[in-house]
């Protein structure tokens, strides 16, 4: 669990001057970071693929949802801890429902509320769609405090013309999230055990042949490839992660990738060659 060090209304101007809750993609700064949170160890800082910035999450559940968002090709921006400002709007919504607006216990000041995720979608038929999400464990759905907060959040986003959805652990495709977490760190070329595009291309070809032409488990096939090519043990499995993370190898993401079983995949060789050549031109 965690305890928020809430930002009260008297500090709004200070937070805005710091750039909190402003910007998009790489320039966005969360209204609250894990430094503002008293946590028992479930917070996470992780650099995003889509945004190229460090994201701050307060729970494993938020991290799992983030992995799923990152894997979705239609999502172009992910902003966490998004402030519901101006604060007068959430106060107004609370009054409409006859709820008490969240306040800081000591000072009695109104608290700037935040939504867990504000996500930008870019879909061919309708571009630049925004959706807001609250992420919470399923067993919290009926808690009075959570319900009141959710009503206020939903009312705020409705006034902005933006859909608001509550996401629980039962809604997140956990196999997809787990798979993304497994290959997360291998997406960038800089962290691979090869130095050139030619080395990567040759190793990919050898890997694909070894995995396709045998029934060896993924781990065993990768170690065989390491030995075959004179690579350091663990190199080939890292390359497999890179290939899947970049969609050069297409797998059924709804099934957990396990190294103790053969890997079933399709080579997206056109995408692989186009992207790798673009890197070296």
Protein backbone atom coordinates (compact mmCIF):
# COMPACT_ATOMS: atom_id res chain seq x y z
CA UNK A 1 0.00 0.00 0.00
CA UNK A 2 1.02 3.62 -0.27
CA UNK A 3 0.15 6.95 1.25
CA UNK A 4 -0.14 10.03 -0.92
CA UNK A 5 1.53 13.27 0.01
CA UNK A 6 -1.25 15.25 -1.57
CA UNK A 7 -0.75 18.58 -3.23
CA UNK A 8 -3.21 21.07 -1.80
CA UNK A 9 -4.73 24.09 -3.51
CA UNK A 10 -2.20 26.48 -1.97
CA UNK A 11 0.61 24.72 -3.86
CA UNK A 12 -1.00 24.58 -7.29
CA UNK A 13 0.88 27.56 -8.71
CA UNK A 14 4.19 26.17 -7.46
CA UNK A 15 3.49 22.80 -9.07
CA UNK A 16 2.50 24.43 -12.36
CA UNK A 17 5.72 26.46 -12.43
CA UNK A 18 7.58 23.16 -12.07
CA UNK A 19 5.78 21.92 -15.17
CA UNK A 20 3.79 19.29 -13.28
CA UNK A 21 0.79 17.92 -15.15
CA UNK A 22 1.85 19.69 -18.34
CA UNK A 23 3.30 18.71 -21.70
CA UNK A 24 2.90 15.64 -23.84
CA UNK A 25 4.94 12.56 -24.73
CA UNK A 26 8.58 13.12 -23.67
CA UNK A 27 7.91 16.56 -22.18
CA UNK A 28 5.09 15.52 -19.82
CA UNK A 29 5.71 15.68 -16.07
CA UNK A 30 3.36 13.74 -13.75
CA UNK A 31 1.54 15.79 -11.14
CA UNK A 32 2.81 13.31 -8.55
CA UNK A 33 5.92 11.13 -8.76
CA UNK A 34 6.98 8.25 -6.55
CA UNK A 35 9.03 10.77 -4.56
CA UNK A 36 5.73 12.32 -3.51
CA UNK A 37 4.43 8.94 -2.32
CA UNK A 38 5.10 7.04 0.88
CA UNK A 39 5.27 3.48 -0.46
CA UNK A 40 5.93 0.03 1.00
CA UNK A 41 7.89 -1.11 -2.04
CA UNK A 42 5.34 -1.47 -4.86
CA UNK A 43 6.23 1.71 -6.76
CA UNK A 44 8.03 1.59 -10.11
CA UNK A 45 10.05 3.93 -12.32
CA UNK A 46 10.40 2.78 -15.90
CA UNK A 47 11.35 4.45 -19.16
CA UNK A 48 8.57 4.27 -21.74
CA UNK A 49 8.90 3.05 -25.30
CA UNK A 50 6.32 5.46 -26.70
CA UNK A 51 7.25 8.54 -24.67
CA UNK A 52 11.01 8.08 -24.13
CA UNK A 53 10.59 9.42 -20.59
CA UNK A 54 10.51 7.93 -17.11
CA UNK A 55 7.05 6.93 -15.91
CA UNK A 56 6.05 6.71 -12.25
CA UNK A 57 3.67 3.98 -11.06
CA UNK A 58 2.35 3.32 -7.59
CA UNK A 59 1.52 -0.38 -7.87
CA UNK A 60 2.22 -3.59 -9.74
CA UNK A 61 -1.28 -3.34 -11.19
CA UNK A 62 -0.56 0.07 -12.73
CA UNK A 63 2.67 -1.32 -14.18
CA UNK A 64 0.81 -4.27 -15.74
CA UNK A 65 -1.72 -1.91 -17.31
CA UNK A 66 1.13 0.24 -18.62
CA UNK A 67 2.77 -2.76 -20.31
CA UNK A 68 -0.51 -3.52 -22.06
CA UNK A 69 -0.84 0.11 -23.20
CA UNK A 70 2.70 0.10 -24.53
CA UNK A 71 2.02 -2.97 -26.65
CA UNK A 72 -1.09 -1.45 -28.26
CA UNK A 73 -0.12 0.00 -31.66
CA UNK A 74 -2.92 2.60 -31.58
CA UNK A 75 -1.69 4.39 -28.47
CA UNK A 76 0.68 7.31 -29.00
CA UNK A 77 0.93 8.93 -25.55
CA UNK A 78 0.56 7.79 -21.95
CA UNK A 79 0.33 10.31 -19.12
CA UNK A 80 0.13 9.07 -15.54
CA UNK A 81 -1.02 10.99 -12.43
CA UNK A 82 -2.86 13.54 -14.56
CA UNK A 83 -4.25 16.45 -12.47
CA UNK A 84 -7.94 17.28 -12.54
CA UNK A 85 -7.68 21.03 -12.89
CA UNK A 86 -9.01 23.57 -12.34
CA UNK A 87 -9.75 22.32 -8.83
CA UNK A 88 -13.00 24.29 -8.84
CA UNK A 89 -14.36 21.77 -11.35
CA UNK A 90 -13.92 18.72 -9.12
CA UNK A 91 -15.33 20.69 -6.19
CA UNK A 92 -18.36 21.51 -8.33
CA UNK A 93 -18.83 17.87 -9.33
CA UNK A 94 -18.54 16.74 -5.70
CA UNK A 95 -21.22 19.22 -4.70
CA UNK A 96 -23.51 17.94 -7.46
CA UNK A 97 -23.34 14.44 -5.96
CA UNK A 98 -23.48 15.81 -2.42
CA UNK A 99 -20.04 14.30 -1.72
CA UNK A 100 -17.26 15.80 0.36
CA UNK A 101 -14.36 16.79 -1.84
CA UNK A 102 -11.03 15.20 -0.73
CA UNK A 103 -9.19 17.45 1.72
CA UNK A 104 -5.84 17.50 3.47
CA UNK A 105 -6.48 16.45 7.07
CA UNK A 106 -4.24 18.97 8.82
CA UNK A 107 -4.96 22.11 6.81
CA UNK A 108 -8.46 21.28 5.64
CA UNK A 109 -7.53 22.47 2.14
CA UNK A 110 -9.00 20.86 -0.95
CA UNK A 111 -6.73 18.33 -2.61
CA UNK A 112 -5.91 18.36 -6.30
CA UNK A 113 -7.24 15.04 -7.54
CA UNK A 114 -5.44 13.02 -10.21
CA UNK A 115 -6.43 10.32 -12.66
CA UNK A 116 -4.13 7.32 -12.98
CA UNK A 117 -3.81 7.42 -16.77
CA UNK A 118 -4.71 9.80 -19.58
CA UNK A 119 -4.10 8.00 -22.88
CA UNK A 120 -3.99 9.35 -26.44
CA UNK A 121 -5.14 7.08 -29.26
CA UNK A 122 -4.37 7.60 -32.94
CA UNK A 123 -6.79 5.51 -34.98
CA UNK A 124 -7.20 5.87 -38.73
CA UNK A 125 -10.95 6.45 -38.57
CA UNK A 126 -10.74 8.90 -35.69
CA UNK A 127 -7.47 10.54 -34.69
CA UNK A 128 -6.35 12.05 -31.40
CA UNK A 129 -8.89 10.36 -29.14
CA UNK A 130 -8.23 10.73 -25.41
CA UNK A 131 -9.40 8.28 -22.74
CA UNK A 132 -8.94 8.45 -18.97
CA UNK A 133 -8.45 5.39 -16.77
CA UNK A 134 -8.52 4.66 -13.06
CA UNK A 135 -6.67 1.47 -12.14
CA UNK A 136 -7.66 -0.36 -8.96
CA UNK A 137 -7.88 -3.91 -7.54
CA UNK A 138 -11.24 -5.58 -8.15
CA UNK A 139 -11.85 -6.00 -4.43
CA UNK A 140 -11.89 -2.21 -3.98
CA UNK A 141 -14.74 -1.53 -6.38
CA UNK A 142 -17.44 -1.44 -3.71
CA UNK A 143 -15.53 0.60 -1.15
CA UNK A 144 -17.36 3.83 -0.38
CA UNK A 145 -14.27 6.03 -0.56
CA UNK A 146 -13.31 4.64 -3.96
CA UNK A 147 -16.84 4.98 -5.33
CA UNK A 148 -17.06 8.63 -4.29
CA UNK A 149 -13.71 9.44 -5.82
CA UNK A 150 -14.68 7.63 -9.02
CA UNK A 151 -17.94 9.55 -9.34
CA UNK A 152 -16.01 12.81 -9.11
CA UNK A 153 -13.42 11.67 -11.66
CA UNK A 154 -16.08 10.48 -14.06
CA UNK A 155 -18.00 13.73 -13.72
CA UNK A 156 -14.86 15.78 -14.37
CA UNK A 157 -13.93 13.84 -17.52
CA UNK A 158 -17.51 13.90 -18.78
CA UNK A 159 -17.37 17.70 -18.62
CA UNK A 160 -14.23 17.52 -20.80
CA UNK A 161 -15.89 15.24 -23.35
CA UNK A 162 -13.49 12.40 -22.51
CA UNK A 163 -14.45 8.79 -21.72
CA UNK A 164 -13.49 7.55 -18.27
CA UNK A 165 -13.08 3.84 -17.45
CA UNK A 166 -12.23 1.93 -14.29
CA UNK A 167 -9.72 -0.85 -14.92
CA UNK A 168 -9.23 -3.73 -12.47
CA UNK A 169 -6.95 -6.75 -12.36
CA UNK A 170 -9.76 -8.72 -14.06
CA UNK A 171 -9.68 -6.40 -17.10
CA UNK A 172 -5.97 -6.41 -17.89
CA UNK A 173 -4.81 -9.11 -20.37
CA UNK A 174 -2.26 -10.46 -17.94
CA UNK A 175 -0.50 -12.76 -20.43
CA UNK A 176 0.19 -9.82 -22.74
CA UNK A 177 1.47 -7.73 -19.85
CA UNK A 178 3.69 -10.54 -18.58
CA UNK A 179 5.14 -11.13 -22.03
CA UNK A 180 5.90 -7.44 -22.52
CA UNK A 181 7.58 -7.35 -19.12
CA UNK A 182 9.68 -10.39 -20.12
CA UNK A 183 11.15 -8.75 -23.23
CA UNK A 184 10.86 -5.12 -22.13
CA UNK A 185 14.55 -4.31 -21.62
CA UNK A 186 15.66 -5.82 -24.94
CA UNK A 187 13.82 -3.52 -27.34
CA UNK A 188 16.69 -1.10 -27.95
CA UNK A 189 19.54 -2.11 -30.27
CA UNK A 190 22.12 -0.52 -27.96
CA UNK A 191 21.65 -3.26 -25.35
CA UNK A 192 22.08 -6.21 -27.71
CA UNK A 193 25.08 -8.59 -27.70
CA UNK A 194 25.84 -7.73 -31.36
CA UNK A 195 27.59 -4.69 -32.77
CA UNK A 196 26.31 -4.36 -36.33
CA UNK A 197 23.20 -4.79 -38.44
CA UNK A 198 24.94 -7.58 -40.36
CA UNK A 199 25.60 -9.52 -37.15
CA UNK A 200 22.00 -9.13 -36.05
CA UNK A 201 20.67 -10.18 -39.46
CA UNK A 202 22.89 -13.28 -39.59
CA UNK A 203 22.09 -14.28 -36.00
CA UNK A 204 18.34 -13.80 -36.61
CA UNK A 205 18.49 -16.08 -39.63
CA UNK A 206 20.35 -18.78 -37.69
CA UNK A 207 18.00 -18.49 -34.73
CA UNK A 208 14.91 -18.75 -36.88
CA UNK A 209 16.26 -21.85 -38.63
CA UNK A 210 17.18 -23.55 -35.36
CA UNK A 211 13.79 -22.81 -33.79
CA UNK A 212 11.77 -23.70 -36.88
CA UNK A 213 13.57 -26.92 -37.82
CA UNK A 214 13.53 -28.54 -34.39
CA UNK A 215 11.22 -29.17 -31.47
CA UNK A 216 13.76 -27.90 -28.95
CA UNK A 217 12.48 -25.67 -26.13
CA UNK A 218 13.29 -21.99 -26.61
CA UNK A 219 15.98 -21.95 -23.92
CA UNK A 220 17.77 -25.00 -25.33
CA UNK A 221 17.58 -23.74 -28.92
CA UNK A 222 19.05 -20.40 -27.86
CA UNK A 223 21.93 -22.02 -25.99
CA UNK A 224 22.56 -24.23 -29.04
CA UNK A 225 22.70 -21.10 -31.21
CA UNK A 226 25.06 -19.38 -28.77
CA UNK A 227 27.42 -22.35 -28.99
CA UNK A 228 27.03 -22.64 -32.76
CA UNK A 229 27.93 -18.97 -33.38
CA UNK A 230 30.47 -18.61 -30.58
CA UNK A 231 28.30 -16.15 -28.67
CA UNK A 232 28.31 -15.56 -24.94
CA UNK A 233 25.67 -17.76 -23.23
CA UNK A 234 22.42 -15.79 -22.97
CA UNK A 235 23.02 -13.77 -26.14
CA UNK A 236 20.50 -15.55 -28.34
CA UNK A 237 17.65 -15.36 -25.83
CA UNK A 238 18.29 -11.62 -25.58
CA UNK A 239 18.06 -11.36 -29.36
CA UNK A 240 14.79 -13.32 -29.36
CA UNK A 241 13.38 -10.80 -26.90
CA UNK A 242 14.50 -7.96 -29.14
CA UNK A 243 12.92 -9.51 -32.22
CA UNK A 244 9.57 -10.00 -30.48
CA UNK A 245 9.62 -6.59 -28.78
CA UNK A 246 10.02 -4.91 -32.16
CA UNK A 247 7.44 -7.18 -33.85
CA UNK A 248 10.06 -8.60 -36.21
CA UNK A 249 8.90 -11.96 -34.90
CA UNK A 250 5.15 -12.20 -34.43
CA UNK A 251 3.89 -14.46 -31.64
CA UNK A 252 0.53 -15.11 -30.01
CA UNK A 253 0.77 -12.58 -27.21
CA UNK A 254 -2.34 -13.96 -25.50
CA UNK A 255 -0.28 -17.00 -24.52
CA UNK A 256 2.56 -16.82 -22.02
CA UNK A 257 5.98 -17.07 -23.65
CA UNK A 258 7.91 -19.74 -21.80
CA UNK A 259 11.51 -20.78 -22.42
CA UNK A 260 10.73 -24.39 -21.46
CA UNK A 261 8.62 -24.87 -24.61
CA UNK A 262 9.27 -24.39 -28.36
CA UNK A 263 8.53 -20.88 -29.61
CA UNK A 264 5.89 -20.56 -32.32
CA UNK A 265 6.43 -17.42 -34.40
CA UNK A 266 6.16 -15.84 -37.83
CA UNK A 267 9.00 -13.78 -39.26
CA UNK A 268 8.05 -10.27 -40.36
CA UNK A 269 11.16 -10.11 -42.48
CA UNK A 270 10.12 -7.03 -44.49
CA UNK A 271 9.69 -4.95 -41.33
CA UNK A 272 12.90 -6.35 -39.90
CA UNK A 273 15.00 -5.48 -42.93
CA UNK A 274 13.41 -2.05 -43.40
CA UNK A 275 13.97 -1.00 -39.79
CA UNK A 276 17.49 -2.33 -39.53
CA UNK A 277 18.58 -0.67 -42.78
CA UNK A 278 17.04 2.57 -41.59
CA UNK A 279 19.17 2.39 -38.46
CA UNK A 280 22.43 2.26 -40.36
CA UNK A 281 21.70 4.71 -43.17
